[in-house]
All heavy atoms as atom14 arrays in JSON, in Angstrom:
{
  "sequence": "SYTRGPGPRWGEADRRGVQAFQRAQGWRGGAADG",
  "atom14_mask": [
    [1, 1, 1, 1, 1, 1, 0, 0, 0, 0, 0, 0, 0, 0],
    [1, 1, 1, 1, 1, 1, 1, 1, 1, 1, 1, 1, 0, 0],
    [1, 1, 1, 1, 1, 1, 1, 0, 0, 0, 0, 0, 0, 0],
    [1, 1, 1, 1, 1, 1, 1, 1, 1, 1, 1, 0, 0, 0],
    [1, 1, 1, 1, 0, 0, 0, 0, 0, 0, 0, 0, 0, 0],
    [1, 1, 1, 1, 1, 1, 1, 0, 0, 0, 0, 0, 0, 0],
    [1, 1, 1, 1, 0, 0, 0, 0, 0, 0, 0, 0, 0, 0],
    [1, 1, 1, 1, 1, 1, 1, 0, 0, 0, 0, 0, 0, 0],
    [1, 1, 1, 1, 1, 1, 1, 1, 1, 1, 1, 0, 0, 0],
    [1, 1, 1, 1, 1, 1, 1, 1, 1, 1, 1, 1, 1, 1],
    [1, 1, 1, 1, 0, 0, 0, 0, 0, 0, 0, 0, 0, 0],
    [1, 1, 1, 1, 1, 1, 1, 1, 1, 0, 0, 0, 0, 0],
    [1, 1, 1, 1, 1, 0, 0, 0, 0, 0, 0, 0, 0, 0],
    [1, 1, 1, 1, 1, 1, 1, 1, 0, 0, 0, 0, 0, 0],
    [1, 1, 1, 1, 1, 1, 1, 1, 1, 1, 1, 0, 0, 0],
    [1, 1, 1, 1, 1, 1, 1, 1, 1, 1, 1, 0, 0, 0],
    [1, 1, 1, 1, 0, 0, 0, 0, 0, 0, 0, 0, 0, 0],
    [1, 1, 1, 1, 1, 1, 1, 0, 0, 0, 0, 0, 0, 0],
    [1, 1, 1, 1, 1, 1, 1, 1, 1, 0, 0, 0, 0, 0],
    [1, 1, 1, 1, 1, 0, 0, 0, 0, 0, 0, 0, 0, 0],
    [1, 1, 1, 1, 1, 1, 1, 1, 1, 1, 1, 0, 0, 0],
    [1, 1, 1, 1, 1, 1, 1, 1, 1, 0, 0, 0, 0, 0],
    [1, 1, 1, 1, 1, 1, 1, 1, 1, 1, 1, 0, 0, 0],
    [1, 1, 1, 1, 1, 0, 0, 0, 0, 0, 0, 0, 0, 0],
    [1, 1, 1, 1, 1, 1, 1, 1, 1, 0, 0, 0, 0, 0],
    [1, 1, 1, 1, 0, 0, 0, 0, 0, 0, 0, 0, 0, 0],
    [1, 1, 1, 1, 1, 1, 1, 1, 1, 1, 1, 1, 1, 1],
    [1, 1, 1, 1, 1, 1, 1, 1, 1, 1, 1, 0, 0, 0],
    [1, 1, 1, 1, 0, 0, 0, 0, 0, 0, 0, 0, 0, 0],
    [1, 1, 1, 1, 0, 0, 0, 0, 0, 0, 0, 0, 0, 0],
    [1, 1, 1, 1, 1, 0, 0, 0, 0, 0, 0, 0, 0, 0],
    [1, 1, 1, 1, 1, 0, 0, 0, 0, 0, 0, 0, 0, 0],
    [1, 1, 1, 1, 1, 1, 1, 1, 0, 0, 0, 0, 0, 0],
    [1, 1, 1, 1, 0, 0, 0, 0, 0, 0, 0, 0, 0, 0]
  ],
  "atom14_positions": [
    [[34.07, -36.81, -19.24], [33.13, -37.15, -18.17], [33.04, -38.65, -17.91], [32.52, -39.07, -16.88], [31.73, -36.63, -18.49], [31.72, -35.23, -18.51], [0.0, 0.0, 0.0], [0.0, 0.0, 0.0], [0.0, 0.0, 0.0], [0.0, 0.0, 0.0], [0.0, 0.0, 0.0], [0.0, 0.0, 0.0], [0.0, 0.0, 0.0], [0.0, 0.0, 0.0]],
    [[33.56, -39.45, -18.82], [33.5, -40.9, -18.62], [34.55, -41.35, -17.62], [35.73, -41.07, -17.79], [33.73, -41.64, -19.95], [32.63, -41.44, -20.96], [32.85, -40.7, -22.12], [31.38, -42.0, -20.77], [31.86, -40.52, -23.05], [30.37, -41.82, -21.71], [30.62, -41.08, -22.84], [29.61, -40.9, -23.75], [0.0, 0.0, 0.0], [0.0, 0.0, 0.0]],
    [[34.13, -42.07, -16.59], [35.08, -42.69, -15.67], [35.42, -44.09, -16.18], [36.49, -44.61, -15.89], [34.51, -42.77, -14.24], [33.27, -43.46, -14.26], [34.33, -41.38, -13.67], [0.0, 0.0, 0.0], [0.0, 0.0, 0.0], [0.0, 0.0, 0.0], [0.0, 0.0, 0.0], [0.0, 0.0, 0.0], [0.0, 0.0, 0.0], [0.0, 0.0, 0.0]],
    [[34.51, -44.68, -16.93], [34.74, -45.91, -17.69], [33.71, -45.93, -18.8], [32.7, -45.27, -18.74], [34.65, -47.16, -16.83], [33.3, -47.37, -16.2], [33.34, -48.57, -15.26], [32.12, -48.55, -14.48], [31.21, -49.5, -14.53], [31.38, -50.55, -15.29], [30.13, -49.41, -13.81], [0.0, 0.0, 0.0], [0.0, 0.0, 0.0], [0.0, 0.0, 0.0]],
    [[34.01, -46.69, -19.81], [33.06, -46.7, -20.93], [33.62, -45.94, -22.1], [34.82, -45.78, -22.2], [0.0, 0.0, 0.0], [0.0, 0.0, 0.0], [0.0, 0.0, 0.0], [0.0, 0.0, 0.0], [0.0, 0.0, 0.0], [0.0, 0.0, 0.0], [0.0, 0.0, 0.0], [0.0, 0.0, 0.0], [0.0, 0.0, 0.0], [0.0, 0.0, 0.0]],
    [[32.81, -45.48, -22.96], [31.35, -45.43, -22.94], [30.72, -46.8, -23.16], [31.35, -47.71, -23.66], [31.0, -44.47, -24.06], [32.14, -44.59, -25.01], [33.36, -44.89, -24.18], [0.0, 0.0, 0.0], [0.0, 0.0, 0.0], [0.0, 0.0, 0.0], [0.0, 0.0, 0.0], [0.0, 0.0, 0.0], [0.0, 0.0, 0.0], [0.0, 0.0, 0.0]],
    [[29.47, -46.89, -22.77], [28.74, -48.13, -22.91], [27.35, -47.9, -23.46], [27.02, -46.78, -23.86], [0.0, 0.0, 0.0], [0.0, 0.0, 0.0], [0.0, 0.0, 0.0], [0.0, 0.0, 0.0], [0.0, 0.0, 0.0], [0.0, 0.0, 0.0], [0.0, 0.0, 0.0], [0.0, 0.0, 0.0], [0.0, 0.0, 0.0], [0.0, 0.0, 0.0]],
    [[26.53, -48.92, -23.44], [25.21, -48.84, -24.07], [24.13, -48.15, -23.23], [23.06, -47.86, -23.74], [24.84, -50.3, -24.31], [25.55, -51.02, -23.22], [26.85, -50.28, -23.03], [0.0, 0.0, 0.0], [0.0, 0.0, 0.0], [0.0, 0.0, 0.0], [0.0, 0.0, 0.0], [0.0, 0.0, 0.0], [0.0, 0.0, 0.0], [0.0, 0.0, 0.0]],
    [[24.4, -47.86, -21.97], [23.38, -47.24, -21.12], [23.6, -45.73, -21.04], [24.64, -45.27, -20.62], [23.39, -47.84, -19.74], [22.28, -47.28, -18.85], [22.1, -48.09, -17.62], [21.69, -49.43, -18.02], [20.55, -49.99, -17.68], [19.71, -49.34, -16.92], [20.26, -51.21, -18.07], [0.0, 0.0, 0.0], [0.0, 0.0, 0.0], [0.0, 0.0, 0.0]],
    [[22.57, -44.97, -21.44], [22.63, -43.51, -21.41], [22.73, -43.04, -19.97], [21.98, -43.49, -19.1], [21.38, -42.91, -22.06], [21.33, -41.43, -22.01], [20.64, -40.67, -21.1], [21.97, -40.5, -22.88], [20.82, -39.34, -21.36], [21.64, -39.2, -22.45], [22.8, -40.65, -23.97], [22.1, -38.06, -23.08], [23.27, -39.51, -24.61], [22.92, -38.24, -24.17]],
    [[23.65, -42.13, -19.72], [23.83, -41.62, -18.37], [24.3, -40.18, -18.38], [24.43, -39.54, -19.43], [0.0, 0.0, 0.0], [0.0, 0.0, 0.0], [0.0, 0.0, 0.0], [0.0, 0.0, 0.0], [0.0, 0.0, 0.0], [0.0, 0.0, 0.0], [0.0, 0.0, 0.0], [0.0, 0.0, 0.0], [0.0, 0.0, 0.0], [0.0, 0.0, 0.0]],
    [[24.6, -39.7, -17.2], [25.01, -38.3, -17.04], [26.31, -38.0, -17.78], [26.47, -36.91, -18.32], [25.14, -37.96, -15.55], [25.41, -36.51, -15.26], [24.35, -35.54, -15.76], [23.21, -35.94, -16.06], [24.67, -34.34, -15.85], [0.0, 0.0, 0.0], [0.0, 0.0, 0.0], [0.0, 0.0, 0.0], [0.0, 0.0, 0.0], [0.0, 0.0, 0.0]],
    [[27.23, -38.94, -17.84], [28.49, -38.71, -18.57], [28.22, -38.49, -20.05], [28.86, -37.63, -20.68], [29.44, -39.9, -18.37], [0.0, 0.0, 0.0], [0.0, 0.0, 0.0], [0.0, 0.0, 0.0], [0.0, 0.0, 0.0], [0.0, 0.0, 0.0], [0.0, 0.0, 0.0], [0.0, 0.0, 0.0], [0.0, 0.0, 0.0], [0.0, 0.0, 0.0]],
    [[27.26, -39.23, -20.59], [26.89, -39.04, -22.0], [26.3, -37.65, -22.21], [26.67, -36.93, -23.13], [25.87, -40.09, -22.44], [26.39, -41.5, -22.31], [27.35, -41.85, -23.03], [25.85, -42.25, -21.49], [0.0, 0.0, 0.0], [0.0, 0.0, 0.0], [0.0, 0.0, 0.0], [0.0, 0.0, 0.0], [0.0, 0.0, 0.0], [0.0, 0.0, 0.0]],
    [[25.39, -37.26, -21.32], [24.74, -35.96, -21.44], [25.77, -34.83, -21.35], [25.74, -33.89, -22.14], [23.66, -35.79, -20.36], [22.77, -34.57, -20.63], [21.98, -34.18, -19.4], [22.84, -33.68, -18.34], [23.44, -32.47, -18.33], [23.28, -31.65, -19.35], [24.2, -32.11, -17.32], [0.0, 0.0, 0.0], [0.0, 0.0, 0.0], [0.0, 0.0, 0.0]],
    [[26.69, -34.96, -20.41], [27.72, -33.92, -20.27], [28.62, -33.84, -21.5], [29.01, -32.75, -21.91], [28.58, -34.2, -19.04], [27.87, -33.88, -17.75], [28.83, -34.05, -16.6], [28.11, -34.2, -15.35], [28.61, -34.75, -14.27], [29.85, -35.23, -14.28], [27.89, -34.83, -13.18], [0.0, 0.0, 0.0], [0.0, 0.0, 0.0], [0.0, 0.0, 0.0]],
    [[28.98, -34.98, -22.06], [29.8, -34.99, -23.26], [29.1, -34.34, -24.44], [29.69, -33.55, -25.17], [0.0, 0.0, 0.0], [0.0, 0.0, 0.0], [0.0, 0.0, 0.0], [0.0, 0.0, 0.0], [0.0, 0.0, 0.0], [0.0, 0.0, 0.0], [0.0, 0.0, 0.0], [0.0, 0.0, 0.0], [0.0, 0.0, 0.0], [0.0, 0.0, 0.0]],
    [[27.82, -34.67, -24.6], [27.04, -34.07, -25.69], [26.9, -32.57, -25.46], [27.07, -31.77, -26.39], [25.65, -34.73, -25.82], [24.76, -33.96, -26.78], [25.78, -36.18, -26.26], [0.0, 0.0, 0.0], [0.0, 0.0, 0.0], [0.0, 0.0, 0.0], [0.0, 0.0, 0.0], [0.0, 0.0, 0.0], [0.0, 0.0, 0.0], [0.0, 0.0, 0.0]],
    [[26.66, -32.17, -24.22], [26.52, -30.75, -23.93], [27.82, -30.0, -24.22], [27.8, -28.9, -24.79], [26.1, -30.54, -22.47], [25.78, -29.1, -22.16], [25.25, -28.95, -20.75], [25.83, -29.48, -19.81], [24.15, -28.26, -20.6], [0.0, 0.0, 0.0], [0.0, 0.0, 0.0], [0.0, 0.0, 0.0], [0.0, 0.0, 0.0], [0.0, 0.0, 0.0]],
    [[28.96, -30.58, -23.84], [30.25, -29.95, -24.13], [30.45, -29.81, -25.64], [30.92, -28.77, -26.13], [31.39, -30.76, -23.52], [0.0, 0.0, 0.0], [0.0, 0.0, 0.0], [0.0, 0.0, 0.0], [0.0, 0.0, 0.0], [0.0, 0.0, 0.0], [0.0, 0.0, 0.0], [0.0, 0.0, 0.0], [0.0, 0.0, 0.0], [0.0, 0.0, 0.0]],
    [[30.08, -30.84, -26.39], [30.18, -30.76, -27.85], [29.27, -29.67, -28.39], [29.69, -28.87, -29.24], [29.82, -32.12, -28.48], [29.77, -32.06, -29.97], [30.95, -32.07, -30.71], [28.57, -31.99, -30.64], [30.91, -31.99, -32.1], [28.52, -31.92, -32.02], [29.7, -31.92, -32.75], [0.0, 0.0, 0.0], [0.0, 0.0, 0.0], [0.0, 0.0, 0.0]],
    [[28.04, -29.61, -27.9], [27.1, -28.59, -28.37], [27.62, -27.19, -28.07], [27.53, -26.29, -28.92], [25.73, -28.82, -27.73], [25.03, -30.06, -28.26], [23.8, -30.43, -27.45], [23.71, -30.14, -26.25], [22.85, -31.07, -28.11], [0.0, 0.0, 0.0], [0.0, 0.0, 0.0], [0.0, 0.0, 0.0], [0.0, 0.0, 0.0], [0.0, 0.0, 0.0]],
    [[28.16, -27.0, -26.9], [28.71, -25.67, -26.55], [29.9, -25.32, -27.44], [30.09, -24.16, -27.8], [29.09, -25.64, -25.09], [27.87, -25.58, -24.2], [28.24, -25.5, -22.74], [27.02, -25.35, -21.94], [26.97, -25.61, -20.66], [28.04, -26.02, -20.01], [25.83, -25.47, -20.01], [0.0, 0.0, 0.0], [0.0, 0.0, 0.0], [0.0, 0.0, 0.0]],
    [[30.69, -26.33, -27.8], [31.82, -26.09, -28.7], [31.34, -25.66, -30.09], [32.08, -25.02, -30.83], [32.69, -27.34, -28.8], [0.0, 0.0, 0.0], [0.0, 0.0, 0.0], [0.0, 0.0, 0.0], [0.0, 0.0, 0.0], [0.0, 0.0, 0.0], [0.0, 0.0, 0.0], [0.0, 0.0, 0.0], [0.0, 0.0, 0.0], [0.0, 0.0, 0.0]],
    [[30.09, -26.0, -30.42], [29.5, -25.58, -31.69], [28.98, -24.14, -31.61], [28.5, -23.6, -32.59], [28.34, -26.5, -32.07], [28.7, -27.96, -32.22], [29.82, -28.16, -33.21], [29.69, -27.84, -34.39], [30.93, -28.7, -32.75], [0.0, 0.0, 0.0], [0.0, 0.0, 0.0], [0.0, 0.0, 0.0], [0.0, 0.0, 0.0], [0.0, 0.0, 0.0]],
    [[29.05, -23.55, -30.42], [28.57, -22.19, -30.23], [27.13, -22.13, -29.77], [26.54, -21.05, -29.69], [0.0, 0.0, 0.0], [0.0, 0.0, 0.0], [0.0, 0.0, 0.0], [0.0, 0.0, 0.0], [0.0, 0.0, 0.0], [0.0, 0.0, 0.0], [0.0, 0.0, 0.0], [0.0, 0.0, 0.0], [0.0, 0.0, 0.0], [0.0, 0.0, 0.0]],
    [[26.54, -23.27, -29.46], [25.15, -23.31, -29.03], [25.07, -22.99, -27.54], [25.92, -23.4, -26.76], [24.53, -24.67, -29.31], [24.57, -25.05, -30.76], [24.75, -24.22, -31.82], [24.45, -26.36, -31.3], [24.75, -24.94, -33.0], [24.56, -26.26, -32.71], [24.25, -27.62, -30.74], [24.49, -27.35, -33.56], [24.18, -28.71, -31.59], [24.28, -28.58, -32.97]],
    [[24.02, -22.3, -27.15], [23.82, -21.91, -25.75], [22.38, -22.19, -25.35], [21.52, -22.44, -26.19], [24.12, -20.41, -25.56], [25.55, -20.01, -25.88], [26.52, -20.54, -24.82], [27.89, -20.21, -25.13], [28.77, -21.06, -25.67], [28.4, -22.27, -26.02], [30.01, -20.69, -25.89], [0.0, 0.0, 0.0], [0.0, 0.0, 0.0], [0.0, 0.0, 0.0]],
    [[22.12, -22.09, -24.06], [20.76, -22.28, -23.54], [20.19, -23.63, -23.9], [20.87, -24.65, -23.81], [0.0, 0.0, 0.0], [0.0, 0.0, 0.0], [0.0, 0.0, 0.0], [0.0, 0.0, 0.0], [0.0, 0.0, 0.0], [0.0, 0.0, 0.0], [0.0, 0.0, 0.0], [0.0, 0.0, 0.0], [0.0, 0.0, 0.0], [0.0, 0.0, 0.0]],
    [[18.93, -23.63, -24.34], [18.24, -24.86, -24.68], [18.85, -25.61, -25.86], [18.64, -26.8, -26.01], [0.0, 0.0, 0.0], [0.0, 0.0, 0.0], [0.0, 0.0, 0.0], [0.0, 0.0, 0.0], [0.0, 0.0, 0.0], [0.0, 0.0, 0.0], [0.0, 0.0, 0.0], [0.0, 0.0, 0.0], [0.0, 0.0, 0.0], [0.0, 0.0, 0.0]],
    [[19.63, -24.91, -26.67], [20.27, -25.56, -27.81], [21.43, -26.45, -27.35], [21.85, -27.34, -28.08], [20.77, -24.53, -28.81], [0.0, 0.0, 0.0], [0.0, 0.0, 0.0], [0.0, 0.0, 0.0], [0.0, 0.0, 0.0], [0.0, 0.0, 0.0], [0.0, 0.0, 0.0], [0.0, 0.0, 0.0], [0.0, 0.0, 0.0], [0.0, 0.0, 0.0]],
    [[21.94, -26.2, -26.15], [23.03, -27.0, -25.58], [22.5, -27.75, -24.36], [23.0, -27.59, -23.25], [24.2, -26.12, -25.21], [0.0, 0.0, 0.0], [0.0, 0.0, 0.0], [0.0, 0.0, 0.0], [0.0, 0.0, 0.0], [0.0, 0.0, 0.0], [0.0, 0.0, 0.0], [0.0, 0.0, 0.0], [0.0, 0.0, 0.0], [0.0, 0.0, 0.0]],
    [[21.48, -28.57, -24.59], [20.83, -29.26, -23.47], [21.44, -30.62, -23.14], [21.07, -31.27, -22.18], [19.34, -29.43, -23.76], [19.05, -30.27, -25.0], [20.0, -30.77, -25.63], [17.86, -30.4, -25.35], [0.0, 0.0, 0.0], [0.0, 0.0, 0.0], [0.0, 0.0, 0.0], [0.0, 0.0, 0.0], [0.0, 0.0, 0.0], [0.0, 0.0, 0.0]],
    [[22.39, -31.07, -23.96], [23.04, -32.34, -23.71], [22.31, -33.54, -24.28], [22.7, -34.68, -24.06], [0.0, 0.0, 0.0], [0.0, 0.0, 0.0], [0.0, 0.0, 0.0], [0.0, 0.0, 0.0], [0.0, 0.0, 0.0], [0.0, 0.0, 0.0], [0.0, 0.0, 0.0], [0.0, 0.0, 0.0], [0.0, 0.0, 0.0], [0.0, 0.0, 0.0]]
  ]
}
């Protein structure tokens, strides 16, 4: 999701990356909130 970075400012690319990681752990719904 990063077009450049990552950097120190939290943004949508960070949230999407975290959510993808959470889903890869098998988490769904609120557990994969990003």
